[in-house]
N, C-alpha and C. Protein backbone atom coordinates (compact mmCIF):
# COMPACT_ATOMS: atom_id res chain seq x y z
N MET A 1 -101.27 73.56 -83.02
CA MET A 1 -101.95 72.36 -82.57
C MET A 1 -102.94 71.94 -83.66
N THR A 2 -103.07 70.65 -83.81
CA THR A 2 -104.00 70.18 -84.82
C THR A 2 -105.44 70.26 -84.31
N ARG A 3 -106.37 70.25 -85.23
CA ARG A 3 -107.80 70.26 -84.88
C ARG A 3 -108.14 69.05 -84.03
N LYS A 4 -107.55 67.90 -84.33
CA LYS A 4 -107.83 66.67 -83.58
C LYS A 4 -107.34 66.78 -82.13
N VAL A 5 -106.19 67.39 -81.92
CA VAL A 5 -105.69 67.57 -80.56
C VAL A 5 -106.61 68.52 -79.80
N ARG A 6 -107.02 69.60 -80.42
CA ARG A 6 -107.94 70.52 -79.76
C ARG A 6 -109.24 69.81 -79.37
N GLU A 7 -109.79 69.01 -80.25
CA GLU A 7 -111.02 68.25 -79.95
C GLU A 7 -110.79 67.31 -78.77
N TRP A 8 -109.63 66.68 -78.73
CA TRP A 8 -109.30 65.76 -77.64
C TRP A 8 -109.25 66.52 -76.31
N VAL A 9 -108.62 67.69 -76.30
CA VAL A 9 -108.55 68.51 -75.08
C VAL A 9 -109.95 68.97 -74.69
N GLU A 10 -110.75 69.36 -75.65
CA GLU A 10 -112.12 69.79 -75.36
C GLU A 10 -112.91 68.66 -74.70
N ASN A 11 -112.76 67.44 -75.18
CA ASN A 11 -113.43 66.28 -74.57
C ASN A 11 -112.91 66.02 -73.15
N PHE A 12 -111.61 66.20 -72.95
CA PHE A 12 -111.04 66.05 -71.61
C PHE A 12 -111.66 67.06 -70.65
N VAL A 13 -111.76 68.32 -71.07
CA VAL A 13 -112.32 69.37 -70.22
C VAL A 13 -113.79 69.08 -69.90
N LYS A 14 -114.56 68.67 -70.89
CA LYS A 14 -115.97 68.34 -70.66
C LYS A 14 -116.12 67.20 -69.65
N ALA A 15 -115.24 66.22 -69.71
CA ALA A 15 -115.33 65.05 -68.83
C ALA A 15 -114.78 65.31 -67.43
N ASN A 16 -113.82 66.22 -67.28
CA ASN A 16 -113.11 66.36 -66.01
C ASN A 16 -113.17 67.76 -65.41
N GLY A 17 -113.64 68.75 -66.15
CA GLY A 17 -113.69 70.12 -65.66
C GLY A 17 -114.99 70.40 -64.94
N PRO A 18 -115.26 71.65 -64.67
CA PRO A 18 -114.44 72.82 -65.00
C PRO A 18 -113.26 72.95 -64.03
N PHE A 19 -112.32 73.76 -64.43
CA PHE A 19 -111.12 74.01 -63.64
C PHE A 19 -111.08 75.48 -63.27
N LYS A 20 -110.77 75.78 -62.01
CA LYS A 20 -110.74 77.17 -61.57
C LYS A 20 -109.46 77.89 -61.99
N LYS A 21 -108.32 77.22 -61.85
CA LYS A 21 -107.05 77.88 -62.15
C LYS A 21 -106.23 76.96 -63.06
N VAL A 22 -105.92 77.46 -64.26
CA VAL A 22 -105.27 76.66 -65.30
C VAL A 22 -103.98 77.34 -65.75
N LEU A 23 -102.94 76.53 -65.92
CA LEU A 23 -101.68 77.01 -66.48
C LEU A 23 -101.41 76.24 -67.75
N GLU A 24 -101.14 76.96 -68.83
CA GLU A 24 -100.68 76.31 -70.05
C GLU A 24 -99.22 76.66 -70.27
N VAL A 25 -98.40 75.65 -70.41
CA VAL A 25 -96.97 75.79 -70.65
C VAL A 25 -96.76 75.62 -72.15
N GLY A 26 -96.21 76.64 -72.79
CA GLY A 26 -96.05 76.60 -74.24
C GLY A 26 -97.30 77.05 -74.95
N SER A 27 -97.85 78.17 -74.52
CA SER A 27 -99.17 78.62 -74.99
C SER A 27 -99.13 79.47 -76.26
N LEU A 28 -97.95 79.80 -76.77
CA LEU A 28 -97.87 80.66 -77.95
C LEU A 28 -98.77 80.12 -79.05
N ASP A 29 -99.66 80.97 -79.53
CA ASP A 29 -100.62 80.56 -80.56
C ASP A 29 -99.95 80.60 -81.92
N VAL A 30 -99.42 79.46 -82.33
CA VAL A 30 -98.83 79.32 -83.66
C VAL A 30 -99.91 78.85 -84.64
N ASN A 31 -100.77 77.94 -84.17
CA ASN A 31 -101.82 77.41 -85.04
C ASN A 31 -103.05 76.99 -84.22
N GLY A 32 -103.45 77.83 -83.30
CA GLY A 32 -104.63 77.56 -82.48
C GLY A 32 -104.29 77.47 -81.00
N ASN A 33 -105.32 77.65 -80.16
CA ASN A 33 -105.13 77.54 -78.72
C ASN A 33 -106.41 77.03 -78.07
N VAL A 34 -106.35 76.78 -76.77
CA VAL A 34 -107.50 76.22 -76.04
C VAL A 34 -108.00 77.15 -74.94
N ARG A 35 -107.55 78.38 -74.92
CA ARG A 35 -107.92 79.32 -73.86
C ARG A 35 -109.44 79.39 -73.67
N ASP A 36 -110.19 79.38 -74.74
CA ASP A 36 -111.64 79.53 -74.65
C ASP A 36 -112.33 78.34 -73.98
N LEU A 37 -111.63 77.23 -73.79
CA LEU A 37 -112.22 76.05 -73.14
C LEU A 37 -112.25 76.19 -71.62
N PHE A 38 -111.58 77.22 -71.10
CA PHE A 38 -111.47 77.39 -69.66
C PHE A 38 -112.15 78.69 -69.25
N VAL A 39 -113.15 78.59 -68.39
CA VAL A 39 -113.98 79.75 -68.06
C VAL A 39 -113.47 80.53 -66.86
N GLU A 40 -112.62 79.94 -66.06
CA GLU A 40 -112.09 80.64 -64.89
C GLU A 40 -110.73 81.25 -65.23
N GLU A 41 -109.79 81.19 -64.31
CA GLU A 41 -108.47 81.80 -64.52
C GLU A 41 -107.58 80.91 -65.38
N TYR A 42 -107.09 81.46 -66.48
CA TYR A 42 -106.19 80.79 -67.40
C TYR A 42 -104.95 81.66 -67.55
N ILE A 43 -103.78 81.05 -67.37
CA ILE A 43 -102.51 81.76 -67.56
C ILE A 43 -101.73 81.00 -68.62
N GLY A 44 -101.41 81.69 -69.71
CA GLY A 44 -100.61 81.10 -70.77
C GLY A 44 -99.17 81.54 -70.65
N THR A 45 -98.25 80.58 -70.66
CA THR A 45 -96.82 80.88 -70.59
C THR A 45 -96.12 80.30 -71.81
N ASP A 46 -95.06 80.96 -72.20
CA ASP A 46 -94.22 80.45 -73.28
C ASP A 46 -92.85 81.09 -73.11
N MET A 47 -91.85 80.51 -73.76
CA MET A 47 -90.50 81.03 -73.65
C MET A 47 -90.33 82.37 -74.39
N ARG A 48 -91.32 82.70 -75.23
CA ARG A 48 -91.26 83.98 -75.94
C ARG A 48 -92.65 84.62 -75.96
N GLU A 49 -92.66 85.93 -76.10
CA GLU A 49 -93.91 86.67 -76.11
C GLU A 49 -94.63 86.46 -77.44
N GLY A 50 -95.95 86.66 -77.40
CA GLY A 50 -96.73 86.56 -78.62
C GLY A 50 -98.19 86.29 -78.30
N PRO A 51 -98.98 86.00 -79.32
CA PRO A 51 -100.41 85.74 -79.11
C PRO A 51 -100.65 84.59 -78.13
N ASN A 52 -101.55 84.80 -77.19
CA ASN A 52 -101.97 83.84 -76.18
C ASN A 52 -100.94 83.64 -75.07
N VAL A 53 -99.92 84.47 -75.00
CA VAL A 53 -98.90 84.37 -73.95
C VAL A 53 -99.13 85.49 -72.94
N ASP A 54 -99.45 85.11 -71.70
CA ASP A 54 -99.61 86.09 -70.63
C ASP A 54 -98.29 86.41 -69.95
N LYS A 55 -97.43 85.40 -69.85
CA LYS A 55 -96.12 85.57 -69.21
C LYS A 55 -95.07 84.83 -70.03
N ALA A 56 -94.03 85.55 -70.43
CA ALA A 56 -92.92 84.93 -71.14
C ALA A 56 -91.98 84.31 -70.11
N ILE A 57 -92.06 82.98 -69.98
CA ILE A 57 -91.29 82.23 -68.98
C ILE A 57 -90.82 80.94 -69.62
N ASN A 58 -89.57 80.61 -69.46
CA ASN A 58 -89.09 79.30 -69.88
C ASN A 58 -89.68 78.26 -68.94
N GLY A 59 -90.09 77.12 -69.46
CA GLY A 59 -90.65 76.05 -68.64
C GLY A 59 -89.72 75.58 -67.54
N HIS A 60 -88.44 75.80 -67.70
CA HIS A 60 -87.46 75.40 -66.69
C HIS A 60 -87.52 76.32 -65.46
N ASP A 61 -88.16 77.48 -65.61
CA ASP A 61 -88.19 78.49 -64.55
C ASP A 61 -89.57 78.69 -63.94
N LEU A 62 -90.51 77.80 -64.21
CA LEU A 62 -91.89 77.98 -63.73
C LEU A 62 -91.98 78.15 -62.22
N LEU A 63 -91.17 77.40 -61.48
CA LEU A 63 -91.26 77.46 -60.01
C LEU A 63 -90.69 78.76 -59.44
N LYS A 64 -90.02 79.55 -60.27
CA LYS A 64 -89.56 80.87 -59.84
C LYS A 64 -90.71 81.88 -59.91
N HIS A 65 -91.78 81.53 -60.60
CA HIS A 65 -92.89 82.46 -60.84
C HIS A 65 -94.22 82.03 -60.23
N PHE A 66 -94.35 80.73 -59.95
CA PHE A 66 -95.61 80.21 -59.42
C PHE A 66 -95.32 79.31 -58.22
N ASN A 67 -96.25 79.29 -57.27
CA ASN A 67 -96.11 78.44 -56.09
C ASN A 67 -96.46 77.00 -56.42
N PRO A 68 -95.74 76.06 -55.80
CA PRO A 68 -96.10 74.65 -55.99
C PRO A 68 -97.56 74.41 -55.59
N GLU A 69 -98.15 73.43 -56.25
CA GLU A 69 -99.51 72.98 -55.94
C GLU A 69 -100.52 74.13 -56.02
N SER A 70 -100.42 74.96 -57.07
CA SER A 70 -101.32 76.11 -57.16
C SER A 70 -102.27 76.07 -58.35
N PHE A 71 -102.25 75.01 -59.16
CA PHE A 71 -103.11 74.95 -60.33
C PHE A 71 -103.96 73.68 -60.33
N ASP A 72 -105.22 73.85 -60.73
CA ASP A 72 -106.14 72.72 -60.86
C ASP A 72 -105.82 71.89 -62.10
N CYS A 73 -105.27 72.54 -63.10
CA CYS A 73 -104.92 71.85 -64.35
C CYS A 73 -103.70 72.53 -64.94
N VAL A 74 -102.71 71.72 -65.33
CA VAL A 74 -101.53 72.23 -66.02
C VAL A 74 -101.46 71.51 -67.36
N LEU A 75 -101.45 72.30 -68.42
CA LEU A 75 -101.44 71.78 -69.79
C LEU A 75 -100.11 72.07 -70.47
N CYS A 76 -99.70 71.15 -71.31
CA CYS A 76 -98.55 71.37 -72.19
C CYS A 76 -98.88 70.66 -73.49
N LEU A 77 -99.28 71.45 -74.49
CA LEU A 77 -99.82 70.90 -75.73
C LEU A 77 -98.90 71.19 -76.90
N GLU A 78 -98.40 70.11 -77.49
CA GLU A 78 -97.57 70.25 -78.70
C GLU A 78 -96.39 71.19 -78.46
N THR A 79 -95.72 71.00 -77.31
CA THR A 79 -94.65 71.91 -76.91
C THR A 79 -93.36 71.20 -76.53
N LEU A 80 -93.45 70.07 -75.84
CA LEU A 80 -92.25 69.45 -75.27
C LEU A 80 -91.20 69.09 -76.32
N GLU A 81 -91.61 68.88 -77.55
CA GLU A 81 -90.64 68.58 -78.60
C GLU A 81 -89.71 69.76 -78.87
N HIS A 82 -90.11 70.95 -78.44
CA HIS A 82 -89.31 72.16 -78.64
C HIS A 82 -88.45 72.51 -77.42
N ASP A 83 -88.51 71.71 -76.39
CA ASP A 83 -87.82 71.98 -75.11
C ASP A 83 -86.57 71.11 -75.04
N ASN A 84 -85.41 71.75 -75.05
CA ASN A 84 -84.17 70.97 -75.08
C ASN A 84 -83.97 70.11 -73.84
N PHE A 85 -84.56 70.48 -72.71
CA PHE A 85 -84.50 69.68 -71.48
C PHE A 85 -85.92 69.51 -70.94
N PHE A 86 -86.77 68.83 -71.70
CA PHE A 86 -88.19 68.73 -71.39
C PHE A 86 -88.46 68.14 -70.02
N TRP A 87 -87.58 67.29 -69.51
CA TRP A 87 -87.80 66.64 -68.22
C TRP A 87 -87.79 67.65 -67.08
N ILE A 88 -87.07 68.75 -67.23
CA ILE A 88 -87.08 69.81 -66.21
C ILE A 88 -88.45 70.48 -66.21
N THR A 89 -88.95 70.81 -67.38
CA THR A 89 -90.26 71.44 -67.50
C THR A 89 -91.34 70.53 -66.92
N VAL A 90 -91.31 69.25 -67.26
CA VAL A 90 -92.34 68.32 -66.77
C VAL A 90 -92.25 68.20 -65.24
N ASP A 91 -91.06 68.16 -64.69
CA ASP A 91 -90.93 68.10 -63.23
C ASP A 91 -91.56 69.33 -62.59
N ASN A 92 -91.33 70.49 -63.17
CA ASN A 92 -91.95 71.72 -62.67
C ASN A 92 -93.47 71.65 -62.78
N MET A 93 -93.97 71.16 -63.89
CA MET A 93 -95.41 71.04 -64.08
C MET A 93 -96.01 70.12 -63.02
N ARG A 94 -95.36 68.98 -62.77
CA ARG A 94 -95.86 68.04 -61.77
C ARG A 94 -95.97 68.72 -60.40
N GLN A 95 -94.99 69.56 -60.08
CA GLN A 95 -95.00 70.24 -58.79
C GLN A 95 -96.08 71.33 -58.72
N LEU A 96 -96.44 71.92 -59.85
CA LEU A 96 -97.42 73.00 -59.87
C LEU A 96 -98.86 72.52 -59.77
N VAL A 97 -99.10 71.26 -60.09
CA VAL A 97 -100.46 70.70 -60.03
C VAL A 97 -100.85 70.49 -58.57
N LYS A 98 -102.04 70.95 -58.21
CA LYS A 98 -102.58 70.71 -56.86
C LYS A 98 -102.86 69.22 -56.68
N PRO A 99 -102.79 68.71 -55.46
CA PRO A 99 -103.28 67.35 -55.22
C PRO A 99 -104.74 67.26 -55.68
N GLY A 100 -105.04 66.24 -56.45
CA GLY A 100 -106.37 66.08 -57.02
C GLY A 100 -106.53 66.80 -58.35
N GLY A 101 -105.51 67.58 -58.76
CA GLY A 101 -105.56 68.30 -60.03
C GLY A 101 -105.02 67.45 -61.17
N TRP A 102 -105.11 67.99 -62.36
CA TRP A 102 -104.78 67.26 -63.58
C TRP A 102 -103.58 67.85 -64.30
N MET A 103 -102.81 66.96 -64.93
CA MET A 103 -101.75 67.36 -65.85
C MET A 103 -102.11 66.76 -67.21
N VAL A 104 -102.00 67.57 -68.26
CA VAL A 104 -102.35 67.16 -69.61
C VAL A 104 -101.16 67.46 -70.52
N ILE A 105 -100.72 66.45 -71.27
CA ILE A 105 -99.60 66.61 -72.19
C ILE A 105 -99.95 65.98 -73.53
N THR A 106 -99.73 66.73 -74.61
CA THR A 106 -99.80 66.15 -75.94
C THR A 106 -98.48 66.46 -76.64
N VAL A 107 -98.00 65.46 -77.37
CA VAL A 107 -96.70 65.58 -78.04
C VAL A 107 -96.74 64.87 -79.39
N PRO A 108 -95.86 65.26 -80.29
CA PRO A 108 -95.76 64.53 -81.56
C PRO A 108 -95.01 63.21 -81.35
N SER A 109 -95.31 62.27 -82.21
CA SER A 109 -94.62 60.99 -82.17
C SER A 109 -93.83 60.80 -83.47
N LEU A 110 -93.40 59.59 -83.69
CA LEU A 110 -92.44 59.27 -84.74
C LEU A 110 -92.83 59.75 -86.13
N ASN A 111 -94.10 59.70 -86.47
CA ASN A 111 -94.54 60.02 -87.82
C ASN A 111 -94.93 61.49 -88.01
N HIS A 112 -94.60 62.33 -87.04
CA HIS A 112 -94.92 63.75 -87.14
C HIS A 112 -93.76 64.49 -87.78
N PRO A 113 -94.01 65.34 -88.76
CA PRO A 113 -92.90 66.03 -89.44
C PRO A 113 -92.18 67.03 -88.54
N ARG A 114 -90.94 67.28 -88.86
CA ARG A 114 -90.15 68.28 -88.15
C ARG A 114 -90.77 69.65 -88.35
N HIS A 115 -90.75 70.45 -87.27
CA HIS A 115 -91.30 71.80 -87.33
C HIS A 115 -90.58 72.66 -86.28
N ASP A 116 -89.65 73.44 -86.73
CA ASP A 116 -88.85 74.28 -85.83
C ASP A 116 -89.64 75.52 -85.41
N HIS A 117 -89.84 75.66 -84.09
CA HIS A 117 -90.52 76.84 -83.51
C HIS A 117 -89.89 77.18 -82.17
N PRO A 118 -88.71 77.55 -81.93
CA PRO A 118 -87.69 77.78 -82.95
C PRO A 118 -86.86 76.53 -83.26
N HIS A 119 -86.91 75.51 -82.37
CA HIS A 119 -86.18 74.27 -82.62
C HIS A 119 -87.10 73.08 -82.40
N ASP A 120 -86.70 71.93 -82.92
CA ASP A 120 -87.49 70.70 -82.78
C ASP A 120 -86.51 69.60 -82.40
N TYR A 121 -86.61 69.11 -81.14
CA TYR A 121 -85.62 68.18 -80.60
C TYR A 121 -86.09 66.73 -80.47
N TRP A 122 -87.36 66.49 -80.15
CA TRP A 122 -87.79 65.18 -79.66
C TRP A 122 -89.04 64.65 -80.35
N ARG A 123 -89.21 63.32 -80.30
CA ARG A 123 -90.44 62.62 -80.62
C ARG A 123 -90.70 61.62 -79.48
N PHE A 124 -91.96 61.35 -79.20
CA PHE A 124 -92.34 60.57 -78.02
C PHE A 124 -93.24 59.39 -78.39
N PHE A 125 -93.23 58.38 -77.52
CA PHE A 125 -94.16 57.26 -77.58
C PHE A 125 -94.96 57.22 -76.28
N GLY A 126 -95.99 56.40 -76.25
CA GLY A 126 -96.79 56.25 -75.05
C GLY A 126 -95.98 55.82 -73.85
N THR A 127 -94.95 55.02 -74.06
CA THR A 127 -94.11 54.58 -72.95
C THR A 127 -93.39 55.75 -72.28
N ALA A 128 -93.06 56.78 -73.05
CA ALA A 128 -92.46 57.97 -72.45
C ALA A 128 -93.47 58.66 -71.54
N MET A 129 -94.73 58.73 -71.98
CA MET A 129 -95.77 59.35 -71.15
C MET A 129 -95.99 58.56 -69.86
N GLU A 130 -95.86 57.24 -69.92
CA GLU A 130 -95.97 56.44 -68.70
C GLU A 130 -94.96 56.91 -67.67
N SER A 131 -93.75 57.20 -68.11
CA SER A 131 -92.72 57.68 -67.20
C SER A 131 -93.04 59.07 -66.67
N LEU A 132 -93.50 59.97 -67.55
CA LEU A 132 -93.78 61.34 -67.14
C LEU A 132 -94.96 61.43 -66.17
N PHE A 133 -95.88 60.46 -66.24
CA PHE A 133 -97.05 60.45 -65.36
C PHE A 133 -96.91 59.46 -64.21
N ALA A 134 -95.71 58.96 -63.96
CA ALA A 134 -95.48 58.00 -62.87
C ALA A 134 -95.96 58.60 -61.56
N GLY A 135 -96.74 57.83 -60.80
CA GLY A 135 -97.26 58.27 -59.52
C GLY A 135 -98.59 59.00 -59.62
N PHE A 136 -99.03 59.35 -60.82
CA PHE A 136 -100.34 59.98 -61.00
C PHE A 136 -101.41 58.89 -61.09
N GLU A 137 -102.65 59.27 -60.86
CA GLU A 137 -103.79 58.36 -60.92
C GLU A 137 -104.63 58.67 -62.14
N GLU A 138 -105.53 57.75 -62.47
CA GLU A 138 -106.46 57.93 -63.59
C GLU A 138 -105.72 58.35 -64.85
N VAL A 139 -104.55 57.77 -65.07
CA VAL A 139 -103.73 58.13 -66.22
C VAL A 139 -104.35 57.52 -67.48
N HIS A 140 -104.46 58.35 -68.49
CA HIS A 140 -104.97 57.92 -69.79
C HIS A 140 -103.94 58.33 -70.83
N ILE A 141 -103.47 57.36 -71.61
CA ILE A 141 -102.46 57.62 -72.64
C ILE A 141 -102.95 56.98 -73.93
N GLU A 142 -102.90 57.74 -75.00
CA GLU A 142 -103.25 57.15 -76.29
C GLU A 142 -102.30 57.63 -77.37
N GLU A 143 -101.92 56.70 -78.22
CA GLU A 143 -101.14 57.03 -79.40
C GLU A 143 -102.13 57.12 -80.56
N GLN A 144 -101.95 58.12 -81.41
CA GLN A 144 -102.85 58.32 -82.53
C GLN A 144 -102.05 58.48 -83.82
N ASN A 145 -102.67 58.09 -84.89
CA ASN A 145 -102.12 58.40 -86.20
C ASN A 145 -103.23 59.05 -87.00
N TYR A 146 -103.28 60.36 -86.93
CA TYR A 146 -104.33 61.12 -87.60
C TYR A 146 -104.17 61.10 -89.11
N ALA A 147 -102.98 60.73 -89.59
CA ALA A 147 -102.77 60.65 -91.04
C ALA A 147 -103.34 59.36 -91.61
N GLY A 148 -103.83 58.47 -90.73
CA GLY A 148 -104.48 57.26 -91.19
C GLY A 148 -103.56 56.07 -91.43
N GLN A 149 -102.32 56.19 -91.03
CA GLN A 149 -101.39 55.08 -91.20
C GLN A 149 -101.43 54.19 -89.97
N SER A 150 -100.60 53.18 -89.95
CA SER A 150 -100.53 52.22 -88.86
C SER A 150 -100.10 52.88 -87.56
N LEU A 151 -100.63 52.38 -86.44
CA LEU A 151 -100.19 52.89 -85.13
C LEU A 151 -98.75 52.46 -84.82
N ASP A 152 -98.15 51.64 -85.69
CA ASP A 152 -96.72 51.38 -85.54
C ASP A 152 -95.92 52.66 -85.82
N LEU A 153 -96.55 53.60 -86.51
CA LEU A 153 -95.94 54.90 -86.80
C LEU A 153 -96.89 56.01 -86.34
N PRO A 154 -97.12 56.13 -85.02
CA PRO A 154 -98.03 57.18 -84.56
C PRO A 154 -97.49 58.56 -84.85
N ASP A 155 -98.41 59.53 -84.97
CA ASP A 155 -97.95 60.90 -85.15
C ASP A 155 -98.26 61.78 -83.94
N ALA A 156 -98.97 61.22 -82.94
CA ALA A 156 -99.28 61.99 -81.75
C ALA A 156 -99.46 61.07 -80.55
N VAL A 157 -99.08 61.58 -79.38
CA VAL A 157 -99.36 60.92 -78.11
C VAL A 157 -100.08 61.93 -77.25
N LEU A 158 -101.22 61.52 -76.68
CA LEU A 158 -102.06 62.39 -75.87
C LEU A 158 -102.23 61.73 -74.52
N ALA A 159 -102.02 62.50 -73.45
CA ALA A 159 -102.05 61.89 -72.12
C ALA A 159 -102.56 62.88 -71.07
N TYR A 160 -103.21 62.32 -70.07
CA TYR A 160 -103.58 63.09 -68.89
C TYR A 160 -103.56 62.19 -67.68
N GLY A 161 -103.44 62.80 -66.52
CA GLY A 161 -103.47 62.07 -65.26
C GLY A 161 -103.77 63.02 -64.12
N ARG A 162 -104.21 62.42 -63.02
CA ARG A 162 -104.60 63.20 -61.84
C ARG A 162 -103.57 62.98 -60.74
N LYS A 163 -103.11 64.09 -60.15
CA LYS A 163 -102.17 64.02 -59.05
C LYS A 163 -102.91 63.50 -57.82
N PRO A 164 -102.36 62.50 -57.15
CA PRO A 164 -103.06 61.93 -55.98
C PRO A 164 -103.25 62.97 -54.87
N LEU A 165 -104.34 62.81 -54.14
CA LEU A 165 -104.55 63.62 -52.94
C LEU A 165 -103.53 63.21 -51.89
N LYS A 166 -103.14 64.13 -51.07
CA LYS A 166 -102.17 63.81 -50.02
C LYS A 166 -102.85 62.97 -48.95
N ASN A 167 -102.10 62.04 -48.38
CA ASN A 167 -102.65 61.20 -47.31
C ASN A 167 -102.52 61.86 -45.97
């Protein structure tokens, strides 16, 4: 994860936290992590074992290991590009967020270089995040170009939203 993405997540936590129970999907520490931003229960998952991974679980299988609506915040940072069927993982994440809880996703966009860990499949735009956060409230989506080029060629999309309370 880039320093800028970490700063963005830190600002999100300061504005919307603290969170009692947090799940990070794709938590393997390849180039930094956000575990220290969460003072209560944090569970890091990834498809493979390694630093910052508490449970080796494919994102497609999250509901086999965790109960629906059991997390105050579900994060997926710089990971979905490595998921061959990311929509399955996102659907699981949406189900794991408690009503009133938050989902946070950051992904690379068009101007981000390829980086296999172990594979690199996708690039995203803000419009994709609109679809992934459909039905959520207080949705915030921003495209960034940290390399300083035009936003016509963003290199990152950062998004969060709150799952509505049940009526």
